[in-house]
Amino acid sequence: HDMRSELFRKLATMPMSFFNRTKF
């Protein structure tokens, strides 16, 4: 749970270019 929460918080701060480069 803690790891998923940390990952979600990190993903929420990533720029849109990260999501364009990284496959879902």
PDB file of all heavy atoms in Angstrom:
ATOM      1  N   HIS A   1       0.830  -1.211   0.000  1.00  0.00           N
ATOM      2  CA  HIS A   1       0.000   0.000   0.000  1.00  0.00           C
ATOM      3  C   HIS A   1       0.858   1.252   0.000  1.00  0.00           C
ATOM      4  O   HIS A   1       0.626   2.198  -0.765  1.00  0.00           O
ATOM      5  CB  HIS A   1      -0.934  -0.009   1.216  1.00  0.00           C
ATOM      6  CG  HIS A   1      -1.752   1.225   1.341  1.00  0.00           C
ATOM      7  ND1 HIS A   1      -1.328   2.311   2.076  1.00  0.00           N
ATOM      8  CD2 HIS A   1      -2.940   1.566   0.811  1.00  0.00           C
ATOM      9  CE1 HIS A   1      -2.228   3.269   2.001  1.00  0.00           C
ATOM     10  NE2 HIS A   1      -3.226   2.840   1.233  1.00  0.00           N
ATOM     11  N   ASP A   2       1.877   1.271   0.854  1.00  0.00           N
ATOM     12  CA  ASP A   2       2.762   2.429   0.921  1.00  0.00           C
ATOM     13  C   ASP A   2       3.518   2.634  -0.391  1.00  0.00           C
ATOM     14  O   ASP A   2       3.672   3.770  -0.860  1.00  0.00           O
ATOM     15  CB  ASP A   2       3.752   2.279   2.073  1.00  0.00           C
ATOM     16  CG  ASP A   2       3.085   2.377   3.427  1.00  0.00           C
ATOM     17  OD1 ASP A   2       1.897   2.737   3.490  1.00  0.00           O
ATOM     18  OD2 ASP A   2       3.771   2.076   4.430  1.00  0.00           O
ATOM     19  N   MET A   3       3.980   1.540  -0.989  1.00  0.00           N
ATOM     20  CA  MET A   3       4.709   1.661  -2.252  1.00  0.00           C
ATOM     21  C   MET A   3       3.801   2.157  -3.370  1.00  0.00           C
ATOM     22  O   MET A   3       4.208   3.011  -4.170  1.00  0.00           O
ATOM     23  CB  MET A   3       5.328   0.319  -2.634  1.00  0.00           C
ATOM     24  CG  MET A   3       6.474  -0.091  -1.746  1.00  0.00           C
ATOM     25  SD  MET A   3       7.212  -1.643  -2.277  1.00  0.00           S
ATOM     26  CE  MET A   3       8.153  -1.071  -3.683  1.00  0.00           C
ATOM     27  N   ARG A   4       2.581   1.647  -3.443  1.00  0.00           N
ATOM     28  CA  ARG A   4       1.650   2.104  -4.480  1.00  0.00           C
ATOM     29  C   ARG A   4       1.309   3.580  -4.283  1.00  0.00           C
ATOM     30  O   ARG A   4       1.221   4.329  -5.255  1.00  0.00           O
ATOM     31  CB  ARG A   4       0.386   1.248  -4.475  1.00  0.00           C
ATOM     32  CG  ARG A   4       0.613  -0.118  -5.044  1.00  0.00           C
ATOM     33  CD  ARG A   4      -0.670  -0.907  -5.164  1.00  0.00           C
ATOM     34  NE  ARG A   4      -0.389  -2.248  -5.617  1.00  0.00           N
ATOM     35  CZ  ARG A   4      -0.572  -3.339  -4.895  1.00  0.00           C
ATOM     36  NH1 ARG A   4      -1.074  -3.253  -3.680  1.00  0.00           N
ATOM     37  NH2 ARG A   4      -0.270  -4.526  -5.380  1.00  0.00           N
ATOM     38  N   SER A   5       1.119   3.986  -3.042  1.00  0.00           N
ATOM     39  CA  SER A   5       0.834   5.397  -2.764  1.00  0.00           C
ATOM     40  C   SER A   5       2.008   6.276  -3.184  1.00  0.00           C
ATOM     41  O   SER A   5       1.817   7.334  -3.788  1.00  0.00           O
ATOM     42  CB  SER A   5       0.542   5.600  -1.276  1.00  0.00           C
ATOM     43  OG  SER A   5      -0.604   4.909  -0.899  1.00  0.00           O
ATOM     44  N   GLU A   6       3.206   5.845  -2.870  1.00  0.00           N
ATOM     45  CA  GLU A   6       4.401   6.611  -3.251  1.00  0.00           C
ATOM     46  C   GLU A   6       4.540   6.684  -4.768  1.00  0.00           C
ATOM     47  O   GLU A   6       4.866   7.736  -5.322  1.00  0.00           O
ATOM     48  CB  GLU A   6       5.632   5.969  -2.627  1.00  0.00           C
ATOM     49  CG  GLU A   6       6.899   6.746  -2.817  1.00  0.00           C
ATOM     50  CD  GLU A   6       8.083   6.096  -2.126  1.00  0.00           C
ATOM     51  OE1 GLU A   6       7.914   5.573  -1.008  1.00  0.00           O
ATOM     52  OE2 GLU A   6       9.172   6.123  -2.713  1.00  0.00           O
ATOM     53  N   LEU A   7       4.293   5.557  -5.441  1.00  0.00           N
ATOM     54  CA  LEU A   7       4.355   5.556  -6.902  1.00  0.00           C
ATOM     55  C   LEU A   7       3.309   6.486  -7.509  1.00  0.00           C
ATOM     56  O   LEU A   7       3.587   7.223  -8.461  1.00  0.00           O
ATOM     57  CB  LEU A   7       4.152   4.141  -7.443  1.00  0.00           C
ATOM     58  CG  LEU A   7       5.381   3.261  -7.492  1.00  0.00           C
ATOM     59  CD1 LEU A   7       4.991   1.823  -7.789  1.00  0.00           C
ATOM     60  CD2 LEU A   7       6.345   3.761  -8.528  1.00  0.00           C
ATOM     61  N   PHE A   8       2.102   6.465  -6.966  1.00  0.00           N
ATOM     62  CA  PHE A   8       1.044   7.341  -7.485  1.00  0.00           C
ATOM     63  C   PHE A   8       1.409   8.805  -7.284  1.00  0.00           C
ATOM     64  O   PHE A   8       1.229   9.627  -8.191  1.00  0.00           O
ATOM     65  CB  PHE A   8      -0.297   7.020  -6.816  1.00  0.00           C
ATOM     66  CG  PHE A   8      -1.412   7.868  -7.349  1.00  0.00           C
ATOM     67  CD1 PHE A   8      -1.958   7.605  -8.593  1.00  0.00           C
ATOM     68  CD2 PHE A   8      -1.893   8.936  -6.611  1.00  0.00           C
ATOM     69  CE1 PHE A   8      -2.976   8.387  -9.101  1.00  0.00           C
ATOM     70  CE2 PHE A   8      -2.917   9.724  -7.107  1.00  0.00           C
ATOM     71  CZ  PHE A   8      -3.457   9.452  -8.359  1.00  0.00           C
ATOM     72  N   ARG A   9       1.932   9.143  -6.097  1.00  0.00           N
ATOM     73  CA  ARG A   9       2.349  10.533  -5.853  1.00  0.00           C
ATOM     74  C   ARG A   9       3.444  10.942  -6.825  1.00  0.00           C
ATOM     75  O   ARG A   9       3.445  12.058  -7.347  1.00  0.00           O
ATOM     76  CB  ARG A   9       2.825  10.697  -4.412  1.00  0.00           C
ATOM     77  CG  ARG A   9       1.706  10.813  -3.404  1.00  0.00           C
ATOM     78  CD  ARG A   9       2.202  11.282  -2.040  1.00  0.00           C
ATOM     79  NE  ARG A   9       3.208  10.405  -1.447  1.00  0.00           N
ATOM     80  CZ  ARG A   9       2.930   9.301  -0.745  1.00  0.00           C
ATOM     81  NH1 ARG A   9       1.669   8.957  -0.544  1.00  0.00           N
ATOM     82  NH2 ARG A   9       3.893   8.570  -0.244  1.00  0.00           N
ATOM     83  N   LYS A  10       4.376  10.043  -7.101  1.00  0.00           N
ATOM     84  CA  LYS A  10       5.460  10.339  -8.036  1.00  0.00           C
ATOM     85  C   LYS A  10       4.914  10.520  -9.449  1.00  0.00           C
ATOM     86  O   LYS A  10       5.308  11.451 -10.163  1.00  0.00           O
ATOM     87  CB  LYS A  10       6.501   9.217  -7.988  1.00  0.00           C
ATOM     88  CG  LYS A  10       7.642   9.387  -8.931  1.00  0.00           C
ATOM     89  CD  LYS A  10       8.507  10.559  -8.541  1.00  0.00           C
ATOM     90  CE  LYS A  10       9.736  10.636  -9.443  1.00  0.00           C
ATOM     91  NZ  LYS A  10      10.526  11.798  -9.191  1.00  0.00           N
ATOM     92  N   LEU A  11       4.006   9.635  -9.856  1.00  0.00           N
ATOM     93  CA  LEU A  11       3.436   9.740 -11.203  1.00  0.00           C
ATOM     94  C   LEU A  11       2.640  11.034 -11.368  1.00  0.00           C
ATOM     95  O   LEU A  11       2.621  11.619 -12.451  1.00  0.00           O
ATOM     96  CB  LEU A  11       2.538   8.537 -11.503  1.00  0.00           C
ATOM     97  CG  LEU A  11       3.253   7.239 -11.849  1.00  0.00           C
ATOM     98  CD1 LEU A  11       2.258   6.105 -11.977  1.00  0.00           C
ATOM     99  CD2 LEU A  11       4.053   7.394 -13.132  1.00  0.00           C
ATOM    100  N   ALA A  12       1.991  11.485 -10.309  1.00  0.00           N
ATOM    101  CA  ALA A  12       1.197  12.716 -10.388  1.00  0.00           C
ATOM    102  C   ALA A  12       2.067  13.950 -10.597  1.00  0.00           C
ATOM    103  O   ALA A  12       1.592  14.970 -11.093  1.00  0.00           O
ATOM    104  CB  ALA A  12       0.355  12.882  -9.126  1.00  0.00           C
ATOM    105  N   THR A  13       3.342  13.864 -10.254  1.00  0.00           N
ATOM    106  CA  THR A  13       4.239  15.015 -10.418  1.00  0.00           C
ATOM    107  C   THR A  13       5.037  14.954 -11.719  1.00  0.00           C
ATOM    108  O   THR A  13       5.756  15.903 -12.016  1.00  0.00           O
ATOM    109  CB  THR A  13       5.237  15.093  -9.244  1.00  0.00           C
ATOM    110  OG1 THR A  13       6.060  13.935  -9.245  1.00  0.00           O
ATOM    111  CG2 THR A  13       4.503  15.213  -7.917  1.00  0.00           C
ATOM    112  N   MET A  14       4.925  13.878 -12.465  1.00  0.00           N
ATOM    113  CA  MET A  14       5.712  13.725 -13.689  1.00  0.00           C
ATOM    114  C   MET A  14       5.148  14.621 -14.797  1.00  0.00           C
ATOM    115  O   MET A  14       3.931  14.795 -14.905  1.00  0.00           O
ATOM    116  CB  MET A  14       5.711  12.269 -14.155  1.00  0.00           C
ATOM    117  CG  MET A  14       6.344  11.302 -13.171  1.00  0.00           C
ATOM    118  SD  MET A  14       8.040  11.672 -12.766  1.00  0.00           S
ATOM    119  CE  MET A  14       8.848  11.216 -14.260  1.00  0.00           C
ATOM    120  N   PRO A  15       6.022  15.168 -15.642  1.00  0.00           N
ATOM    121  CA  PRO A  15       5.545  16.007 -16.755  1.00  0.00           C
ATOM    122  C   PRO A  15       4.892  15.142 -17.844  1.00  0.00           C
ATOM    123  O   PRO A  15       5.105  13.931 -17.909  1.00  0.00           O
ATOM    124  CB  PRO A  15       6.819  16.666 -17.264  1.00  0.00           C
ATOM    125  CG  PRO A  15       7.918  15.740 -16.862  1.00  0.00           C
ATOM    126  CD  PRO A  15       7.473  15.099 -15.576  1.00  0.00           C
ATOM    127  N   MET A  16       4.124  15.769 -18.685  1.00  0.00           N
ATOM    128  CA  MET A  16       3.435  15.040 -19.757  1.00  0.00           C
ATOM    129  C   MET A  16       4.422  14.365 -20.704  1.00  0.00           C
ATOM    130  O   MET A  16       4.107  13.317 -21.272  1.00  0.00           O
ATOM    131  CB  MET A  16       2.521  15.986 -20.540  1.00  0.00           C
ATOM    132  CG  MET A  16       1.250  16.355 -19.782  1.00  0.00           C
ATOM    133  SD  MET A  16       0.304  14.926 -19.236  1.00  0.00           S
ATOM    134  CE  MET A  16      -0.245  14.261 -20.756  1.00  0.00           C
ATOM    135  N   SER A  17       5.608  14.925 -20.855  1.00  0.00           N
ATOM    136  CA  SER A  17       6.595  14.314 -21.749  1.00  0.00           C
ATOM    137  C   SER A  17       6.976  12.899 -21.275  1.00  0.00           C
ATOM    138  O   SER A  17       7.263  12.027 -22.090  1.00  0.00           O
ATOM    139  CB  SER A  17       7.838  15.193 -21.855  1.00  0.00           C
ATOM    140  OG  SER A  17       8.433  15.341 -20.569  1.00  0.00           O
ATOM    141  N   PHE A  18       6.953  12.691 -19.963  1.00  0.00           N
ATOM    142  CA  PHE A  18       7.233  11.350 -19.439  1.00  0.00           C
ATOM    143  C   PHE A  18       6.203  10.360 -19.950  1.00  0.00           C
ATOM    144  O   PHE A  18       6.539   9.249 -20.377  1.00  0.00           O
ATOM    145  CB  PHE A  18       7.225  11.377 -17.900  1.00  0.00           C
ATOM    146  CG  PHE A  18       7.249  10.014 -17.272  1.00  0.00           C
ATOM    147  CD1 PHE A  18       8.429   9.296 -17.182  1.00  0.00           C
ATOM    148  CD2 PHE A  18       6.085   9.442 -16.787  1.00  0.00           C
ATOM    149  CE1 PHE A  18       8.449   8.034 -16.617  1.00  0.00           C
ATOM    150  CE2 PHE A  18       6.097   8.177 -16.217  1.00  0.00           C
ATOM    151  CZ  PHE A  18       7.290   7.468 -16.140  1.00  0.00           C
ATOM    152  N   PHE A  19       4.934  10.750 -19.936  1.00  0.00           N
ATOM    153  CA  PHE A  19       3.868   9.849 -20.372  1.00  0.00           C
ATOM    154  C   PHE A  19       3.876   9.663 -21.886  1.00  0.00           C
ATOM    155  O   PHE A  19       3.414   8.646 -22.384  1.00  0.00           O
ATOM    156  CB  PHE A  19       2.513  10.363 -19.881  1.00  0.00           C
ATOM    157  CG  PHE A  19       2.402  10.338 -18.386  1.00  0.00           C
ATOM    158  CD1 PHE A  19       2.580  11.504 -17.645  1.00  0.00           C
ATOM    159  CD2 PHE A  19       2.161   9.160 -17.716  1.00  0.00           C
ATOM    160  CE1 PHE A  19       2.493  11.475 -16.263  1.00  0.00           C
ATOM    161  CE2 PHE A  19       2.081   9.127 -16.338  1.00  0.00           C
ATOM    162  CZ  PHE A  19       2.260  10.288 -15.619  1.00  0.00           C
ATOM    163  N   ASN A  20       4.410  10.640 -22.615  1.00  0.00           N
ATOM    164  CA  ASN A  20       4.549  10.474 -24.065  1.00  0.00           C
ATOM    165  C   ASN A  20       5.680   9.508 -24.396  1.00  0.00           C
ATOM    166  O   ASN A  20       5.603   8.786 -25.373  1.00  0.00           O
ATOM    167  CB  ASN A  20       4.812  11.829 -24.736  1.00  0.00           C
ATOM    168  CG  ASN A  20       3.576  12.706 -24.736  1.00  0.00           C
ATOM    169  OD1 ASN A  20       2.453  12.212 -24.706  1.00  0.00           O
ATOM    170  ND2 ASN A  20       3.775  14.015 -24.752  1.00  0.00           N
ATOM    171  N   ARG A  21       6.733   9.508 -23.588  1.00  0.00           N
ATOM    172  CA  ARG A  21       7.887   8.634 -23.819  1.00  0.00           C
ATOM    173  C   ARG A  21       7.677   7.222 -23.284  1.00  0.00           C
ATOM    174  O   ARG A  21       8.198   6.271 -23.832  1.00  0.00           O
ATOM    175  CB  ARG A  21       9.135   9.208 -23.139  1.00  0.00           C
ATOM    176  CG  ARG A  21       9.773  10.358 -23.810  1.00  0.00           C
ATOM    177  CD  ARG A  21      11.129  10.689 -23.177  1.00  0.00           C
ATOM    178  NE  ARG A  21      11.198  10.501 -21.741  1.00  0.00           N
ATOM    179  CZ  ARG A  21      10.979  11.448 -20.835  1.00  0.00           C
ATOM    180  NH1 ARG A  21      10.638  12.649 -21.217  1.00  0.00           N
ATOM    181  NH2 ARG A  21      11.092  11.189 -19.544  1.00  0.00           N
ATOM    182  N   THR A  22       6.964   7.095 -22.188  1.00  0.00           N
ATOM    183  CA  THR A  22       6.842   5.812 -21.499  1.00  0.00           C
ATOM    184  C   THR A  22       5.532   5.130 -21.879  1.00  0.00           C
ATOM    185  O   THR A  22       4.470   5.747 -21.852  1.00  0.00           O
ATOM    186  CB  THR A  22       6.892   6.020 -19.970  1.00  0.00           C
ATOM    187  OG1 THR A  22       8.032   6.816 -19.661  1.00  0.00           O
ATOM    188  CG2 THR A  22       6.970   4.702 -19.246  1.00  0.00           C
ATOM    189  N   LYS A  23       5.635   3.864 -22.191  1.00  0.00           N
ATOM    190  CA  LYS A  23       4.438   3.102 -22.560  1.00  0.00           C
ATOM    191  C   LYS A  23       3.585   2.852 -21.323  1.00  0.00           C
ATOM    192  O   LYS A  23       4.099   2.624 -20.227  1.00  0.00           O
ATOM    193  CB  LYS A  23       4.847   1.772 -23.194  1.00  0.00           C
ATOM    194  CG  LYS A  23       5.584   1.963 -24.493  1.00  0.00           C
ATOM    195  CD  LYS A  23       6.065   0.645 -25.046  1.00  0.00           C
ATOM    196  CE  LYS A  23       6.852   0.905 -26.310  1.00  0.00           C
ATOM    197  NZ  LYS A  23       7.548  -0.261 -26.769  1.00  0.00           N
ATOM    198  N   PHE A  24       2.275   2.884 -21.507  1.00  0.00           N
ATOM    199  CA  PHE A  24       1.355   2.688 -20.375  1.00  0.00           C
ATOM    200  C   PHE A  24       1.517   1.312 -19.746  1.00  0.00           C
ATOM    201  O   PHE A  24       1.421   1.147 -18.535  1.00  0.00           O
ATOM    202  CB  PHE A  24      -0.100   2.889 -20.800  1.00  0.00           C
ATOM    203  CG  PHE A  24      -0.448   4.320 -21.070  1.00  0.00           C
ATOM    204  CD1 PHE A  24      -0.937   4.697 -22.301  1.00  0.00           C
ATOM    205  CD2 PHE A  24      -0.268   5.282 -20.095  1.00  0.00           C
ATOM    206  CE1 PHE A  24      -1.255   6.018 -22.554  1.00  0.00           C
ATOM    207  CE2 PHE A  24      -0.581   6.610 -20.343  1.00  0.00           C
ATOM    208  CZ  PHE A  24      -1.076   6.976 -21.578  1.00  0.00           C
TER     209      PHE A  24
END
